[in-house]
N, C-alpha and C. Protein backbone atom coordinates (compact mmCIF):
# COMPACT_ATOMS: atom_id res chain seq x y z
N UNK A 1 34.86 -35.54 266.02
CA UNK A 1 36.01 -35.21 264.98
C UNK A 1 35.41 -35.35 263.82
N UNK A 2 34.42 -36.29 263.98
CA UNK A 2 33.60 -36.96 261.99
C UNK A 2 32.72 -35.62 262.35
N UNK A 3 32.99 -34.53 263.35
CA UNK A 3 32.03 -33.31 262.74
C UNK A 3 32.90 -32.39 261.52
N UNK A 4 33.50 -32.56 262.29
CA UNK A 4 34.42 -31.78 261.39
C UNK A 4 34.87 -31.89 259.98
N UNK A 5 34.79 -33.82 259.57
CA UNK A 5 35.30 -34.25 258.49
C UNK A 5 33.71 -34.13 257.23
N UNK A 6 32.60 -34.21 258.08
CA UNK A 6 31.33 -34.37 257.07
C UNK A 6 31.37 -33.19 256.49
N UNK A 7 31.28 -31.85 257.09
CA UNK A 7 31.78 -30.90 255.96
C UNK A 7 31.64 -30.27 254.82
N UNK A 8 33.63 -30.84 255.21
CA UNK A 8 34.15 -30.50 254.16
C UNK A 8 34.20 -31.56 253.36
N UNK A 9 33.99 -32.72 253.64
CA UNK A 9 32.86 -34.26 252.63
C UNK A 9 32.01 -33.42 251.82
N UNK A 10 30.90 -33.00 252.05
CA UNK A 10 30.16 -32.63 251.13
C UNK A 10 30.51 -31.79 250.59
N UNK A 11 31.11 -31.02 250.41
CA UNK A 11 31.67 -29.49 250.17
C UNK A 11 32.64 -29.92 248.34
N UNK A 12 33.14 -30.90 249.06
CA UNK A 12 33.81 -31.54 248.05
C UNK A 12 33.15 -31.62 247.13
N UNK A 13 32.17 -32.99 247.54
CA UNK A 13 31.39 -33.79 246.42
C UNK A 13 30.70 -32.42 245.70
N UNK A 14 30.26 -31.50 246.18
CA UNK A 14 28.65 -30.51 245.79
C UNK A 14 30.64 -29.64 244.73
N UNK A 15 31.74 -29.13 245.20
CA UNK A 15 32.32 -28.76 244.18
C UNK A 15 32.92 -29.49 243.18
N UNK A 16 33.09 -30.80 243.42
CA UNK A 16 33.40 -32.00 242.37
C UNK A 16 32.08 -32.32 241.06
N UNK A 17 31.32 -31.81 241.27
CA UNK A 17 30.00 -31.76 240.29
C UNK A 17 30.32 -30.16 239.23
N UNK A 18 30.93 -29.66 239.87
CA UNK A 18 31.00 -28.18 238.90
C UNK A 18 31.80 -28.25 238.16
N UNK A 19 31.71 -27.81 236.44
CA UNK A 19 32.25 -28.33 235.96
C UNK A 19 33.63 -27.12 235.92
N UNK A 20 34.32 -27.58 235.62
CA UNK A 20 35.39 -26.63 235.58
C UNK A 20 35.54 -25.55 234.78
N UNK A 21 34.98 -25.62 234.24
CA UNK A 21 34.99 -23.77 233.42
C UNK A 21 34.07 -23.95 232.18
N UNK A 22 32.72 -23.21 232.60
CA UNK A 22 32.18 -22.70 231.80
C UNK A 22 32.11 -22.47 230.54
N UNK A 23 31.52 -22.29 229.86
CA UNK A 23 31.42 -22.38 227.96
C UNK A 23 30.93 -20.69 228.19
N UNK A 24 31.52 -19.80 227.12
CA UNK A 24 31.77 -18.39 227.28
C UNK A 24 30.70 -17.77 226.55
N UNK A 25 29.70 -17.16 225.99
CA UNK A 25 28.72 -17.00 225.48
C UNK A 25 29.50 -15.97 223.77
N UNK A 26 28.47 -16.37 223.36
CA UNK A 26 29.34 -15.75 221.93
C UNK A 26 29.08 -13.96 221.51
N UNK A 27 30.03 -13.62 221.14
CA UNK A 27 30.36 -12.15 221.67
C UNK A 27 29.15 -11.97 220.71
N UNK A 28 29.01 -10.45 221.42
CA UNK A 28 28.22 -9.75 220.53
C UNK A 28 28.38 -9.15 219.21
N UNK A 29 28.02 -9.29 218.21
CA UNK A 29 28.82 -8.62 217.27
C UNK A 29 29.09 -7.09 216.85
N UNK A 30 29.98 -6.17 216.47
CA UNK A 30 30.62 -5.30 216.82
C UNK A 30 29.18 -3.70 216.46
N UNK A 31 29.17 -4.76 214.66
CA UNK A 31 27.94 -3.78 213.97
C UNK A 31 26.97 -3.56 214.80
N UNK A 32 26.73 -4.42 215.76
CA UNK A 32 25.24 -4.62 216.75
C UNK A 32 25.07 -3.44 217.67
N UNK A 33 26.50 -3.58 218.60
CA UNK A 33 26.55 -2.54 219.63
C UNK A 33 26.85 -0.65 218.92
N UNK A 34 28.05 -1.10 217.79
CA UNK A 34 28.27 0.41 217.42
C UNK A 34 27.78 0.45 216.11
N UNK A 35 27.05 0.29 215.11
CA UNK A 35 26.90 -0.18 213.67
C UNK A 35 24.99 2.00 213.99
N UNK A 36 25.03 1.73 212.78
CA UNK A 36 24.01 2.49 212.76
C UNK A 36 22.60 1.56 212.51
N UNK A 37 21.53 2.49 213.46
CA UNK A 37 20.11 2.55 213.49
C UNK A 37 19.76 2.14 212.68
N UNK A 38 18.52 1.26 212.66
CA UNK A 38 17.24 1.40 211.10
C UNK A 38 16.73 3.13 211.40
N UNK A 39 16.38 3.21 212.54
CA UNK A 39 15.95 4.97 212.28
C UNK A 39 16.19 5.49 213.41
N UNK A 40 16.11 6.43 214.14
CA UNK A 40 16.50 7.15 215.54
C UNK A 40 15.90 8.60 214.89
N UNK A 41 15.66 9.14 216.75
CA UNK A 41 15.47 10.29 216.14
C UNK A 41 14.52 11.25 216.06
N UNK A 42 13.12 10.27 215.62
CA UNK A 42 11.37 11.94 215.18
C UNK A 42 11.34 12.85 215.95
N UNK A 43 11.37 13.31 214.41
CA UNK A 43 10.38 14.82 214.89
C UNK A 43 9.46 14.48 214.21
N UNK A 44 8.04 16.11 214.94
CA UNK A 44 7.06 16.01 213.98
C UNK A 44 7.26 18.00 213.87
N UNK A 45 6.85 17.61 212.41
CA UNK A 45 7.39 19.30 211.78
C UNK A 45 6.01 20.02 212.67
N UNK A 46 6.53 21.31 212.89
CA UNK A 46 5.22 21.85 213.77
C UNK A 46 3.84 21.95 213.10
N UNK A 47 3.43 22.03 212.09
CA UNK A 47 2.33 21.74 211.69
C UNK A 47 1.44 20.58 211.92
N UNK A 48 2.12 19.70 211.97
CA UNK A 48 1.93 17.75 212.80
C UNK A 48 2.19 17.74 211.00
N UNK A 49 2.10 17.78 210.34
CA UNK A 49 1.83 16.82 208.61
C UNK A 49 3.01 15.68 208.60
N UNK A 50 4.35 16.43 209.21
CA UNK A 50 5.54 15.56 208.48
C UNK A 50 6.30 15.06 209.63
N UNK A 51 7.23 14.13 209.53
CA UNK A 51 8.01 13.23 210.14
C UNK A 51 9.20 13.12 209.90
N UNK A 52 10.34 13.73 210.57
CA UNK A 52 11.36 14.13 210.18
C UNK A 52 11.90 12.81 210.89
N UNK A 53 13.33 11.66 210.34
CA UNK A 53 15.00 11.13 211.56
C UNK A 53 15.02 11.03 210.76
N UNK A 54 16.71 9.94 211.57
CA UNK A 54 17.82 10.20 211.25
C UNK A 54 17.15 8.72 210.46
N UNK A 55 18.15 8.48 209.42
CA UNK A 55 18.53 7.23 209.02
C UNK A 55 19.88 6.79 208.07
N UNK A 56 19.93 5.74 207.58
CA UNK A 56 21.35 6.01 206.74
C UNK A 56 21.17 5.27 205.23
N UNK A 57 21.52 6.04 204.29
CA UNK A 57 21.65 5.84 203.18
C UNK A 57 22.11 4.57 202.62
N UNK A 58 22.13 4.89 201.35
CA UNK A 58 22.98 2.69 201.06
C UNK A 58 24.34 3.15 200.79
N UNK A 59 24.82 3.83 201.18
CA UNK A 59 26.36 3.46 201.72
C UNK A 59 26.06 3.95 203.63
N UNK A 60 25.21 3.24 204.16
CA UNK A 60 25.28 3.66 205.00
C UNK A 60 25.46 4.83 206.24
N UNK A 61 25.45 6.16 205.61
CA UNK A 61 25.72 7.34 206.35
C UNK A 61 24.27 8.07 206.43
N UNK A 62 24.60 8.27 208.39
CA UNK A 62 22.84 8.89 207.93
C UNK A 62 23.29 10.09 208.01
N UNK A 63 21.83 9.99 207.78
CA UNK A 63 21.23 11.31 206.53
C UNK A 63 19.53 11.79 206.86
N UNK A 64 18.84 12.73 207.40
CA UNK A 64 17.69 13.10 207.30
C UNK A 64 16.55 12.74 205.95
N UNK A 65 15.65 12.27 206.80
CA UNK A 65 14.35 11.22 205.85
C UNK A 65 13.66 11.74 206.91
N UNK A 66 12.41 12.50 205.61
CA UNK A 66 10.93 13.26 206.25
C UNK A 66 10.12 12.77 205.37
N UNK A 67 8.70 12.64 206.05
CA UNK A 67 7.71 12.10 205.04
C UNK A 67 7.00 12.38 205.85
N UNK A 68 5.80 12.30 204.53
CA UNK A 68 4.48 12.58 205.50
C UNK A 68 4.09 11.41 206.89
N UNK A 69 3.25 12.30 207.64
CA UNK A 69 2.63 11.19 208.83
C UNK A 69 0.98 10.63 208.29
N UNK A 70 1.31 8.49 208.57
CA UNK A 70 0.43 8.45 208.10
C UNK A 70 0.48 7.37 206.62
N UNK A 71 1.96 8.55 205.58
CA UNK A 71 1.79 7.45 204.45
C UNK A 71 3.51 6.80 204.53
N UNK A 72 3.70 6.09 203.28
CA UNK A 72 5.34 5.60 202.78
C UNK A 72 6.11 6.52 202.05
N UNK A 73 5.43 7.53 202.08
CA UNK A 73 6.17 8.09 201.52
C UNK A 73 8.03 9.23 201.91
N UNK A 74 9.09 8.43 202.04
CA UNK A 74 9.91 8.91 202.63
C UNK A 74 11.03 9.33 201.80
N UNK A 75 11.05 10.47 202.25
CA UNK A 75 12.32 11.70 200.58
C UNK A 75 13.87 11.42 201.95
N UNK A 76 14.69 10.95 201.07
CA UNK A 76 15.90 11.69 201.88
C UNK A 76 16.54 13.45 201.19
N UNK A 77 16.54 13.88 203.01
CA UNK A 77 16.95 15.75 202.24
C UNK A 77 17.70 15.69 202.48
N UNK A 78 19.17 15.28 203.22
CA UNK A 78 20.64 15.49 203.42
C UNK A 78 21.50 14.00 202.77
N UNK A 79 22.41 14.70 202.28
CA UNK A 79 23.57 14.27 201.24
C UNK A 79 24.83 14.30 201.64
N UNK A 80 24.78 14.31 202.95
CA UNK A 80 26.33 13.98 203.37
C UNK A 80 27.08 13.14 203.32
N UNK A 81 28.57 12.90 203.38
CA UNK A 81 28.90 11.88 202.31
C UNK A 81 30.32 11.37 203.36
N UNK A 82 30.28 12.12 203.92
CA UNK A 82 31.60 11.39 204.88
C UNK A 82 30.74 10.92 206.82
N UNK A 83 30.81 12.45 207.55
CA UNK A 83 30.13 12.12 208.73
C UNK A 83 28.66 11.38 209.37
N UNK A 84 27.95 12.15 208.55
CA UNK A 84 26.72 11.23 208.47
C UNK A 84 25.46 13.24 209.92
N UNK A 85 24.62 13.01 209.40
CA UNK A 85 24.05 13.98 210.29
C UNK A 85 23.64 13.53 211.88
N UNK A 86 23.81 14.53 212.69
CA UNK A 86 23.51 13.53 214.19
C UNK A 86 22.74 14.38 214.86
N UNK A 87 22.26 15.30 214.56
CA UNK A 87 21.87 16.30 215.47
C UNK A 87 20.48 17.35 214.38
N UNK A 88 19.01 17.00 214.14
CA UNK A 88 18.19 17.54 213.28
C UNK A 88 17.29 18.80 214.06
N UNK A 89 16.24 19.31 213.55
CA UNK A 89 15.63 19.45 214.21
C UNK A 89 14.04 20.54 213.47
N UNK A 90 13.12 20.20 213.56
CA UNK A 90 11.95 21.38 212.51
C UNK A 90 12.46 22.89 212.96
N UNK A 91 12.03 24.02 212.02
CA UNK A 91 12.37 25.12 212.47
C UNK A 91 10.74 25.42 212.88
N UNK A 92 10.59 26.53 213.30
CA UNK A 92 9.01 27.23 213.35
C UNK A 92 7.90 27.46 212.45
N UNK A 93 8.78 28.10 211.02
CA UNK A 93 8.29 27.25 209.53
C UNK A 93 8.01 26.13 209.54
N UNK A 94 6.56 25.75 208.50
CA UNK A 94 7.01 23.78 208.92
C UNK A 94 7.48 23.02 207.48
N UNK A 95 8.13 24.20 206.18
CA UNK A 95 9.22 23.67 205.10
C UNK A 95 10.76 23.32 205.60
N UNK A 96 10.50 23.80 206.69
CA UNK A 96 12.50 24.25 207.31
C UNK A 96 12.54 23.17 208.23
N UNK A 97 14.05 21.96 207.83
CA UNK A 97 14.51 21.70 208.47
C UNK A 97 15.50 22.27 208.77
N UNK A 98 16.24 22.39 210.66
CA UNK A 98 17.57 22.84 210.40
C UNK A 98 18.28 21.38 210.50
N UNK A 99 19.64 21.28 210.42
CA UNK A 99 20.78 20.03 211.32
C UNK A 99 21.81 21.11 211.23
N UNK A 100 23.04 19.93 212.08
CA UNK A 100 24.40 20.54 212.52
C UNK A 100 24.62 19.26 211.55
N UNK A 101 26.85 19.43 210.82
CA UNK A 101 27.12 19.51 210.26
C UNK A 101 28.91 19.86 210.89
N UNK A 102 29.11 19.17 210.38
CA UNK A 102 31.27 18.95 210.81
C UNK A 102 31.87 19.05 209.86
N UNK A 103 32.71 19.52 209.86
CA UNK A 103 33.25 19.88 208.45
C UNK A 103 34.38 19.18 208.97
N UNK A 104 34.74 17.98 207.73
CA UNK A 104 36.15 17.33 208.02
C UNK A 104 36.56 17.00 209.57
N UNK A 105 35.73 16.75 210.52
CA UNK A 105 36.24 16.98 212.09
C UNK A 105 36.82 16.97 212.54
N UNK A 106 36.20 18.53 212.31
CA UNK A 106 37.34 19.34 212.91
C UNK A 106 35.92 19.51 214.17
N UNK A 107 35.12 19.48 214.62
CA UNK A 107 34.24 19.70 215.80
C UNK A 107 33.28 20.98 215.68
N UNK A 108 33.83 21.75 214.65
CA UNK A 108 33.44 22.88 214.92
C UNK A 108 32.69 22.85 213.80
N UNK A 109 30.69 22.63 214.66
CA UNK A 109 29.27 22.29 213.87
C UNK A 109 29.14 23.59 213.00
N UNK A 110 27.87 23.53 212.26
CA UNK A 110 27.17 24.50 211.86
C UNK A 110 25.73 24.01 211.50
N UNK A 111 25.13 25.41 211.69
CA UNK A 111 23.52 24.64 211.31
C UNK A 111 23.66 24.94 209.51
N UNK A 112 23.03 23.90 209.15
CA UNK A 112 22.68 23.78 207.84
C UNK A 112 21.03 23.99 207.69
N UNK A 113 20.26 25.03 207.13
CA UNK A 113 18.87 24.46 206.32
C UNK A 113 18.86 23.85 205.27
């Protein structure tokens, strides 16, 4: 009978040494999970001279920015006031960018250049 009690006693000692409730890690801030990125969706122009990307403006609305490759001369080229730009592409003409824009949240996107 001592064989039955010894394993149970050892299990009780192991369970007694474990804390009753472990501390939960801190929550990840919502802005980290759902906020705008610093920069995203980079695109190189067809002639290879310019880089476009999406980044938030001063009001935290995503806009299209363009800069010369190898330089720090980025300029904001869109000025959406509400929802921001999510999709943009270079046209085959090196000076033309196309981007999709939603009007008033109706999910009817329009291509703008």
